[in-house]
N, C-alpha and C. Protein backbone atom coordinates (compact mmCIF):
# COMPACT_ATOMS: atom_id res chain seq x y z
N MET A 1 67.26 -12.52 213.97
CA MET A 1 67.58 -11.18 214.34
C MET A 1 68.80 -10.71 213.57
N SER A 2 68.71 -9.58 212.96
CA SER A 2 69.80 -9.04 212.17
C SER A 2 70.76 -8.24 213.05
N LEU A 3 72.02 -8.30 212.70
CA LEU A 3 73.02 -7.50 213.40
C LEU A 3 73.19 -6.14 212.76
N TYR A 4 72.46 -5.85 211.69
CA TYR A 4 72.58 -4.58 211.01
C TYR A 4 71.95 -3.45 211.81
N ARG A 5 72.55 -2.27 211.71
CA ARG A 5 71.98 -1.07 212.32
C ARG A 5 71.05 -0.37 211.33
N HIS A 6 71.23 -0.62 210.07
CA HIS A 6 70.44 0.07 209.05
C HIS A 6 69.09 -0.60 208.86
N ASP A 7 68.16 0.14 208.31
CA ASP A 7 66.84 -0.40 207.99
C ASP A 7 66.98 -1.37 206.81
N PRO A 8 66.17 -2.43 206.79
CA PRO A 8 66.25 -3.36 205.65
C PRO A 8 65.84 -2.64 204.37
N ILE A 9 66.44 -3.05 203.28
CA ILE A 9 66.13 -2.47 201.99
C ILE A 9 64.99 -3.29 201.38
N PRO A 10 63.90 -2.62 200.92
CA PRO A 10 62.79 -3.35 200.35
C PRO A 10 63.26 -4.18 199.15
N PHE A 11 62.65 -5.31 198.97
CA PHE A 11 63.04 -6.20 197.87
C PHE A 11 61.83 -6.51 197.02
N ASP A 12 62.01 -6.43 195.74
CA ASP A 12 61.00 -6.97 194.83
C ASP A 12 61.77 -7.61 193.67
N GLU A 13 61.06 -8.21 192.75
CA GLU A 13 61.68 -8.95 191.67
C GLU A 13 62.59 -8.09 190.81
N SER A 14 62.36 -6.78 190.76
CA SER A 14 63.13 -5.93 189.85
C SER A 14 64.40 -5.35 190.48
N THR A 15 64.60 -5.59 191.78
CA THR A 15 65.81 -5.04 192.42
C THR A 15 66.56 -6.11 193.15
N ARG A 16 67.85 -5.91 193.30
CA ARG A 16 68.69 -6.82 194.08
C ARG A 16 68.80 -6.24 195.48
N PRO A 17 68.87 -7.11 196.49
CA PRO A 17 69.19 -6.57 197.81
C PRO A 17 70.59 -5.99 197.78
N MET A 18 70.78 -4.89 198.43
CA MET A 18 72.08 -4.24 198.42
C MET A 18 72.77 -4.40 199.78
N LEU A 19 74.06 -4.47 199.74
CA LEU A 19 74.83 -4.49 200.99
C LEU A 19 74.90 -3.08 201.54
N PRO A 20 75.07 -2.96 202.86
CA PRO A 20 75.22 -1.62 203.41
C PRO A 20 76.53 -1.00 202.93
N PRO A 21 76.63 0.33 202.98
CA PRO A 21 77.88 0.99 202.62
C PRO A 21 79.03 0.50 203.54
N ILE A 22 80.24 0.51 203.01
CA ILE A 22 81.36 -0.02 203.76
C ILE A 22 81.55 0.69 205.09
N ASP A 23 81.31 1.99 205.17
CA ASP A 23 81.47 2.72 206.44
C ASP A 23 80.48 2.21 207.48
N ASP A 24 79.25 1.88 207.06
CA ASP A 24 78.28 1.32 207.99
C ASP A 24 78.71 -0.08 208.46
N ILE A 25 79.25 -0.87 207.55
CA ILE A 25 79.75 -2.18 207.92
C ILE A 25 80.85 -2.07 208.97
N ILE A 26 81.77 -1.16 208.74
CA ILE A 26 82.88 -0.98 209.70
C ILE A 26 82.33 -0.54 211.03
N GLU A 27 81.42 0.41 211.02
CA GLU A 27 80.83 0.91 212.28
C GLU A 27 80.09 -0.22 213.02
N ASN A 28 79.30 -0.99 212.28
CA ASN A 28 78.59 -2.11 212.91
C ASN A 28 79.57 -3.12 213.49
N PHE A 29 80.61 -3.43 212.73
CA PHE A 29 81.60 -4.41 213.16
C PHE A 29 82.29 -3.95 214.46
N GLU A 30 82.62 -2.67 214.52
CA GLU A 30 83.31 -2.15 215.71
C GLU A 30 82.40 -2.13 216.95
N LEU A 31 81.09 -2.14 216.74
CA LEU A 31 80.16 -2.17 217.88
C LEU A 31 80.07 -3.57 218.49
N ILE A 32 80.46 -4.58 217.73
CA ILE A 32 80.39 -5.97 218.20
C ILE A 32 81.69 -6.29 218.92
N GLU A 33 81.59 -6.71 220.17
CA GLU A 33 82.79 -6.84 220.99
C GLU A 33 83.49 -8.18 220.87
N ASP A 34 82.76 -9.29 220.76
CA ASP A 34 83.46 -10.58 220.76
C ASP A 34 83.56 -11.13 219.32
N TRP A 35 84.62 -11.88 219.10
CA TRP A 35 84.93 -12.34 217.75
C TRP A 35 83.94 -13.38 217.24
N GLU A 36 83.32 -14.13 218.09
CA GLU A 36 82.32 -15.09 217.61
C GLU A 36 81.17 -14.35 216.91
N HIS A 37 80.71 -13.25 217.53
CA HIS A 37 79.63 -12.47 216.93
C HIS A 37 80.12 -11.65 215.72
N ARG A 38 81.39 -11.24 215.74
CA ARG A 38 81.95 -10.54 214.59
C ARG A 38 81.97 -11.47 213.37
N TYR A 39 82.39 -12.73 213.60
CA TYR A 39 82.36 -13.70 212.50
C TYR A 39 80.93 -13.90 212.03
N GLY A 40 79.99 -13.96 212.97
CA GLY A 40 78.59 -14.10 212.60
C GLY A 40 78.10 -12.97 211.72
N TYR A 41 78.54 -11.76 212.03
CA TYR A 41 78.16 -10.59 211.24
C TYR A 41 78.72 -10.70 209.82
N ILE A 42 79.99 -11.09 209.71
CA ILE A 42 80.60 -11.23 208.38
C ILE A 42 79.86 -12.30 207.59
N ILE A 43 79.54 -13.43 208.22
CA ILE A 43 78.80 -14.50 207.55
C ILE A 43 77.42 -13.99 207.12
N GLU A 44 76.77 -13.21 207.97
CA GLU A 44 75.46 -12.65 207.62
C GLU A 44 75.57 -11.74 206.39
N LEU A 45 76.63 -10.95 206.31
CA LEU A 45 76.82 -10.09 205.13
C LEU A 45 76.91 -10.95 203.86
N GLY A 46 77.62 -12.06 203.96
CA GLY A 46 77.74 -12.96 202.83
C GLY A 46 76.39 -13.53 202.42
N ARG A 47 75.56 -13.81 203.39
CA ARG A 47 74.22 -14.36 203.09
C ARG A 47 73.33 -13.31 202.44
N GLU A 48 73.54 -12.05 202.77
CA GLU A 48 72.73 -10.96 202.21
C GLU A 48 73.05 -10.71 200.75
N MET A 49 74.24 -11.12 200.32
CA MET A 49 74.69 -10.88 198.98
C MET A 49 74.08 -11.92 198.04
N ASP A 50 73.63 -11.47 196.87
CA ASP A 50 73.10 -12.41 195.87
C ASP A 50 74.19 -13.40 195.46
N ALA A 51 73.77 -14.64 195.21
CA ALA A 51 74.72 -15.64 194.71
C ALA A 51 75.14 -15.26 193.30
N LEU A 52 76.39 -15.53 192.98
CA LEU A 52 76.87 -15.34 191.62
C LEU A 52 76.29 -16.47 190.77
N PRO A 53 75.64 -16.15 189.66
CA PRO A 53 75.07 -17.21 188.83
C PRO A 53 76.13 -18.23 188.42
N GLU A 54 75.72 -19.48 188.30
CA GLU A 54 76.67 -20.54 187.95
C GLU A 54 77.38 -20.24 186.65
N ALA A 55 76.71 -19.58 185.72
CA ALA A 55 77.33 -19.24 184.44
C ALA A 55 78.54 -18.32 184.61
N LYS A 56 78.58 -17.58 185.72
CA LYS A 56 79.70 -16.67 186.01
C LYS A 56 80.76 -17.33 186.89
N GLN A 57 80.48 -18.53 187.39
CA GLN A 57 81.47 -19.24 188.21
C GLN A 57 82.39 -20.04 187.29
N THR A 58 83.19 -19.29 186.54
CA THR A 58 84.06 -19.87 185.53
C THR A 58 85.50 -19.82 186.01
N GLU A 59 86.34 -20.52 185.29
CA GLU A 59 87.78 -20.49 185.58
C GLU A 59 88.32 -19.07 185.41
N GLU A 60 87.81 -18.35 184.41
CA GLU A 60 88.24 -16.97 184.19
C GLU A 60 87.95 -16.08 185.38
N ASN A 61 86.82 -16.32 186.06
CA ASN A 61 86.42 -15.50 187.22
C ASN A 61 86.96 -16.05 188.55
N ARG A 62 87.57 -17.22 188.52
CA ARG A 62 88.08 -17.79 189.77
C ARG A 62 89.30 -17.02 190.24
N VAL A 63 89.37 -16.80 191.54
CA VAL A 63 90.51 -16.10 192.14
C VAL A 63 91.48 -17.16 192.64
N HIS A 64 92.64 -17.17 192.07
CA HIS A 64 93.66 -18.13 192.46
C HIS A 64 94.41 -17.60 193.68
N GLY A 65 94.83 -18.50 194.55
CA GLY A 65 95.52 -18.09 195.76
C GLY A 65 94.63 -18.10 196.99
N CYS A 66 93.38 -18.46 196.80
CA CYS A 66 92.44 -18.55 197.93
C CYS A 66 92.33 -20.01 198.36
N GLU A 67 92.21 -20.21 199.66
CA GLU A 67 92.03 -21.57 200.19
C GLU A 67 90.71 -22.18 199.74
N SER A 68 89.67 -21.36 199.70
CA SER A 68 88.34 -21.78 199.25
C SER A 68 88.17 -21.41 197.80
N GLN A 69 87.09 -21.90 197.21
CA GLN A 69 86.75 -21.49 195.85
C GLN A 69 86.17 -20.07 195.95
N VAL A 70 86.71 -19.16 195.16
CA VAL A 70 86.25 -17.78 195.12
C VAL A 70 86.15 -17.35 193.67
N TRP A 71 85.03 -16.72 193.34
CA TRP A 71 84.85 -16.17 192.00
C TRP A 71 84.50 -14.69 192.12
N LEU A 72 85.14 -13.88 191.29
CA LEU A 72 84.83 -12.46 191.21
C LEU A 72 84.54 -12.11 189.75
N ASP A 73 83.42 -11.46 189.54
CA ASP A 73 83.03 -10.98 188.21
C ASP A 73 83.16 -9.47 188.26
N VAL A 74 84.23 -8.95 187.68
CA VAL A 74 84.50 -7.51 187.69
C VAL A 74 84.22 -7.01 186.27
N ALA A 75 83.29 -6.09 186.15
CA ALA A 75 82.89 -5.57 184.84
C ALA A 75 82.59 -4.08 184.98
N LEU A 76 82.35 -3.43 183.86
CA LEU A 76 81.86 -2.06 183.88
C LEU A 76 80.35 -2.10 183.87
N ASP A 77 79.72 -1.26 184.67
CA ASP A 77 78.26 -1.18 184.75
C ASP A 77 77.75 -0.51 183.49
N PRO A 78 77.02 -1.24 182.64
CA PRO A 78 76.56 -0.66 181.38
C PRO A 78 75.48 0.41 181.58
N ALA A 79 74.83 0.43 182.73
CA ALA A 79 73.76 1.41 182.98
C ALA A 79 74.29 2.71 183.54
N ALA A 80 75.55 2.73 184.00
CA ALA A 80 76.12 3.95 184.60
C ALA A 80 76.43 4.97 183.53
N PRO A 81 76.16 6.26 183.79
CA PRO A 81 76.44 7.30 182.80
C PRO A 81 77.94 7.50 182.57
N GLU A 82 78.75 7.18 183.56
CA GLU A 82 80.20 7.24 183.41
C GLU A 82 80.75 5.90 183.91
N PRO A 83 81.97 5.53 183.51
CA PRO A 83 82.48 4.20 183.89
C PRO A 83 82.47 3.94 185.39
N ARG A 84 81.78 2.89 185.79
CA ARG A 84 81.71 2.44 187.18
C ARG A 84 81.84 0.95 187.20
N LEU A 85 82.56 0.43 188.23
CA LEU A 85 82.71 -1.01 188.35
C LEU A 85 81.40 -1.65 188.80
N SER A 86 81.14 -2.79 188.28
CA SER A 86 80.09 -3.67 188.75
C SER A 86 80.81 -4.92 189.26
N LEU A 87 80.79 -5.12 190.55
CA LEU A 87 81.51 -6.23 191.16
C LEU A 87 80.52 -7.19 191.79
N ARG A 88 80.62 -8.45 191.42
CA ARG A 88 79.83 -9.51 192.01
C ARG A 88 80.79 -10.64 192.34
N GLY A 89 80.45 -11.42 193.34
CA GLY A 89 81.33 -12.52 193.71
C GLY A 89 80.61 -13.59 194.49
N ASP A 90 81.35 -14.65 194.77
CA ASP A 90 80.79 -15.77 195.52
C ASP A 90 81.92 -16.64 196.02
N SER A 91 81.60 -17.49 196.98
CA SER A 91 82.56 -18.47 197.49
C SER A 91 81.80 -19.67 198.01
N ASP A 92 82.51 -20.80 198.11
CA ASP A 92 81.89 -22.00 198.68
C ASP A 92 82.06 -22.04 200.20
N SER A 93 82.69 -21.04 200.78
CA SER A 93 82.89 -20.94 202.23
C SER A 93 82.07 -19.76 202.78
N SER A 94 81.35 -19.98 203.86
CA SER A 94 80.51 -18.92 204.43
C SER A 94 81.32 -17.70 204.86
N ILE A 95 82.43 -17.92 205.56
CA ILE A 95 83.22 -16.78 206.03
C ILE A 95 83.87 -16.06 204.87
N VAL A 96 84.36 -16.81 203.89
CA VAL A 96 85.00 -16.16 202.74
C VAL A 96 83.95 -15.44 201.91
N ARG A 97 82.74 -15.97 201.83
CA ARG A 97 81.66 -15.27 201.14
C ARG A 97 81.40 -13.93 201.82
N GLY A 98 81.53 -13.89 203.14
CA GLY A 98 81.42 -12.63 203.87
C GLY A 98 82.54 -11.67 203.50
N PHE A 99 83.77 -12.20 203.34
CA PHE A 99 84.89 -11.36 202.92
C PHE A 99 84.63 -10.82 201.51
N VAL A 100 84.07 -11.65 200.64
CA VAL A 100 83.70 -11.21 199.31
C VAL A 100 82.69 -10.07 199.41
N ALA A 101 81.72 -10.20 200.31
CA ALA A 101 80.71 -9.15 200.50
C ALA A 101 81.38 -7.83 200.92
N LEU A 102 82.41 -7.91 201.76
CA LEU A 102 83.15 -6.70 202.13
C LEU A 102 83.78 -6.05 200.90
N MET A 103 84.36 -6.87 200.03
CA MET A 103 84.98 -6.35 198.81
C MET A 103 83.93 -5.73 197.88
N VAL A 104 82.78 -6.40 197.76
CA VAL A 104 81.70 -5.86 196.93
C VAL A 104 81.24 -4.53 197.49
N SER A 105 81.05 -4.44 198.78
CA SER A 105 80.61 -3.19 199.39
C SER A 105 81.64 -2.08 199.19
N LEU A 106 82.90 -2.44 199.24
CA LEU A 106 83.97 -1.45 199.11
C LEU A 106 84.16 -0.99 197.67
N TYR A 107 84.16 -1.90 196.72
CA TYR A 107 84.55 -1.56 195.33
C TYR A 107 83.41 -1.36 194.35
N ASP A 108 82.26 -1.98 194.56
CA ASP A 108 81.16 -1.90 193.59
C ASP A 108 80.71 -0.44 193.44
N GLY A 109 80.61 0.02 192.20
CA GLY A 109 80.15 1.39 191.95
C GLY A 109 81.25 2.42 191.88
N LYS A 110 82.47 2.05 192.21
CA LYS A 110 83.59 2.99 192.14
C LYS A 110 84.01 3.16 190.68
N SER A 111 84.62 4.29 190.39
CA SER A 111 85.24 4.44 189.07
C SER A 111 86.43 3.51 189.00
N PRO A 112 86.81 3.07 187.81
CA PRO A 112 87.97 2.22 187.71
C PRO A 112 89.23 2.86 188.32
N GLN A 113 89.38 4.16 188.16
CA GLN A 113 90.55 4.86 188.71
C GLN A 113 90.55 4.80 190.23
N ASP A 114 89.38 5.06 190.85
CA ASP A 114 89.28 4.99 192.31
C ASP A 114 89.51 3.57 192.81
N ALA A 115 88.92 2.60 192.14
CA ALA A 115 89.06 1.21 192.57
C ALA A 115 90.51 0.75 192.47
N ALA A 116 91.23 1.21 191.45
CA ALA A 116 92.62 0.79 191.26
C ALA A 116 93.51 1.28 192.40
N THR A 117 93.11 2.36 193.05
CA THR A 117 93.95 2.91 194.13
C THR A 117 93.36 2.71 195.53
N THR A 118 92.21 2.04 195.62
CA THR A 118 91.59 1.77 196.92
C THR A 118 92.25 0.54 197.55
N ASP A 119 92.73 0.70 198.77
CA ASP A 119 93.41 -0.38 199.47
C ASP A 119 92.41 -1.23 200.25
N GLY A 120 91.96 -2.31 199.62
CA GLY A 120 91.02 -3.21 200.28
C GLY A 120 91.60 -3.90 201.49
N LEU A 121 92.91 -4.05 201.52
CA LEU A 121 93.55 -4.68 202.68
C LEU A 121 93.48 -3.78 203.91
N ASP A 122 93.34 -2.47 203.70
CA ASP A 122 93.23 -1.55 204.83
C ASP A 122 92.01 -1.87 205.69
N ILE A 123 90.92 -2.28 205.07
CA ILE A 123 89.70 -2.64 205.82
C ILE A 123 90.02 -3.82 206.73
N PHE A 124 90.73 -4.80 206.23
CA PHE A 124 91.05 -5.99 207.03
C PHE A 124 92.02 -5.64 208.17
N ARG A 125 92.92 -4.71 207.91
CA ARG A 125 93.81 -4.25 209.00
C ARG A 125 93.00 -3.49 210.04
N ARG A 126 92.14 -2.57 209.60
CA ARG A 126 91.34 -1.77 210.53
C ARG A 126 90.45 -2.64 211.40
N LEU A 127 89.93 -3.72 210.83
CA LEU A 127 89.05 -4.61 211.57
C LEU A 127 89.80 -5.71 212.31
N ASP A 128 91.12 -5.70 212.22
CA ASP A 128 92.02 -6.61 212.95
C ASP A 128 91.84 -8.07 212.57
N PHE A 129 91.52 -8.33 211.31
CA PHE A 129 91.37 -9.70 210.87
C PHE A 129 92.69 -10.46 210.86
N GLY A 130 93.80 -9.75 210.65
CA GLY A 130 95.11 -10.42 210.58
C GLY A 130 95.40 -11.27 211.79
N ALA A 131 94.93 -10.85 212.94
CA ALA A 131 95.16 -11.59 214.19
C ALA A 131 94.14 -12.70 214.41
N HIS A 132 93.11 -12.76 213.56
CA HIS A 132 92.01 -13.67 213.84
C HIS A 132 91.65 -14.61 212.69
N VAL A 133 92.36 -14.54 211.59
CA VAL A 133 92.15 -15.49 210.50
C VAL A 133 93.48 -16.14 210.16
N THR A 134 93.40 -17.30 209.52
CA THR A 134 94.63 -18.01 209.14
C THR A 134 95.37 -17.24 208.07
N SER A 135 96.65 -17.57 207.93
CA SER A 135 97.44 -16.90 206.89
C SER A 135 96.91 -17.26 205.51
N LYS A 136 96.37 -18.44 205.34
CA LYS A 136 95.78 -18.81 204.05
C LYS A 136 94.59 -17.94 203.71
N ARG A 137 93.76 -17.62 204.71
CA ARG A 137 92.62 -16.73 204.49
C ARG A 137 93.12 -15.33 204.15
N SER A 138 94.13 -14.86 204.89
CA SER A 138 94.70 -13.54 204.60
C SER A 138 95.25 -13.48 203.18
N ASN A 139 95.93 -14.54 202.76
CA ASN A 139 96.46 -14.59 201.39
C ASN A 139 95.33 -14.57 200.37
N GLY A 140 94.22 -15.21 200.70
CA GLY A 140 93.07 -15.19 199.82
C GLY A 140 92.49 -13.79 199.66
N VAL A 141 92.43 -13.05 200.76
CA VAL A 141 91.93 -11.67 200.70
C VAL A 141 92.88 -10.83 199.85
N ARG A 142 94.19 -11.03 200.03
CA ARG A 142 95.16 -10.30 199.21
C ARG A 142 94.95 -10.61 197.71
N ALA A 143 94.69 -11.89 197.43
CA ALA A 143 94.46 -12.28 196.04
C ALA A 143 93.19 -11.62 195.48
N MET A 144 92.14 -11.51 196.30
CA MET A 144 90.91 -10.85 195.85
C MET A 144 91.20 -9.38 195.52
N VAL A 145 91.88 -8.69 196.43
CA VAL A 145 92.17 -7.27 196.24
C VAL A 145 93.04 -7.07 194.99
N ALA A 146 94.06 -7.93 194.84
CA ALA A 146 94.93 -7.82 193.67
C ALA A 146 94.15 -8.01 192.38
N ARG A 147 93.24 -8.96 192.37
CA ARG A 147 92.44 -9.23 191.17
C ARG A 147 91.53 -8.04 190.85
N ILE A 148 90.89 -7.48 191.85
CA ILE A 148 89.98 -6.34 191.63
C ILE A 148 90.78 -5.15 191.12
N GLN A 149 91.91 -4.87 191.74
CA GLN A 149 92.72 -3.73 191.33
C GLN A 149 93.30 -3.95 189.93
N HIS A 150 93.70 -5.14 189.61
CA HIS A 150 94.22 -5.45 188.26
C HIS A 150 93.14 -5.18 187.21
N ASP A 151 91.94 -5.68 187.46
CA ASP A 151 90.85 -5.45 186.50
C ASP A 151 90.47 -3.98 186.43
N ALA A 152 90.48 -3.28 187.56
CA ALA A 152 90.16 -1.86 187.55
C ALA A 152 91.19 -1.07 186.75
N LYS A 153 92.46 -1.42 186.89
CA LYS A 153 93.51 -0.74 186.10
C LYS A 153 93.33 -1.01 184.62
N ARG A 154 92.94 -2.22 184.29
CA ARG A 154 92.69 -2.58 182.88
C ARG A 154 91.54 -1.73 182.33
N PHE A 155 90.46 -1.57 183.11
CA PHE A 155 89.34 -0.75 182.65
C PHE A 155 89.73 0.73 182.58
N ALA A 156 90.52 1.20 183.53
CA ALA A 156 90.94 2.61 183.55
C ALA A 156 91.80 2.94 182.32
N ALA A 157 92.59 1.97 181.87
CA ALA A 157 93.48 2.20 180.73
C ALA A 157 92.75 2.10 179.38
N ALA A 158 91.57 1.53 179.40
CA ALA A 158 90.83 1.31 178.12
C ALA A 158 90.20 2.58 177.62
C-alpha cells in the first residue's frame, strides 16, 4: 500500500518514474501523524527514485560530510530549451536515500539561479527533522544542500 496521495505515474521503458512535486510530499508528510510512518514515507520516496548508475557513483559525485555514502550527480539537462538542473542521487542508507529523493524533488528541473538560492534546509526545518534525526544525519543533509547550491552557482556563472 502506498502512502502517496497522488495517482501513480505510468511507467514504460522510455520514461523514468518521477517523484511527486515537493509541495505534495510536504502535504503528504504533514498528514502522517506518527514518526514511524513518517520515516516509512521518506524511505518509500527513496525506493521510488531510480538508482544512480554505478558509473555515476564516483568520488567526484560523492558528498563528503555524510555519515552514509551519498552520491549526487548535478548536471544541466541537455534536453531543456533553457538551462535547467538535472539532479540524480543515491545512498547506501534507506533513510538517507529518502532524503536524497527530497532534494531531487526540490531541485531537479530548477534553473541554476533558482537552485542556487533555494534553501533545501528549510524543508527539513518545516518537517521537523532536526528533532528526529541524529546530528550526523543533519550534517549530511547540510552537505547535500551545500553541494547542490555550489554546483548550481557554478552553472549559473557559466
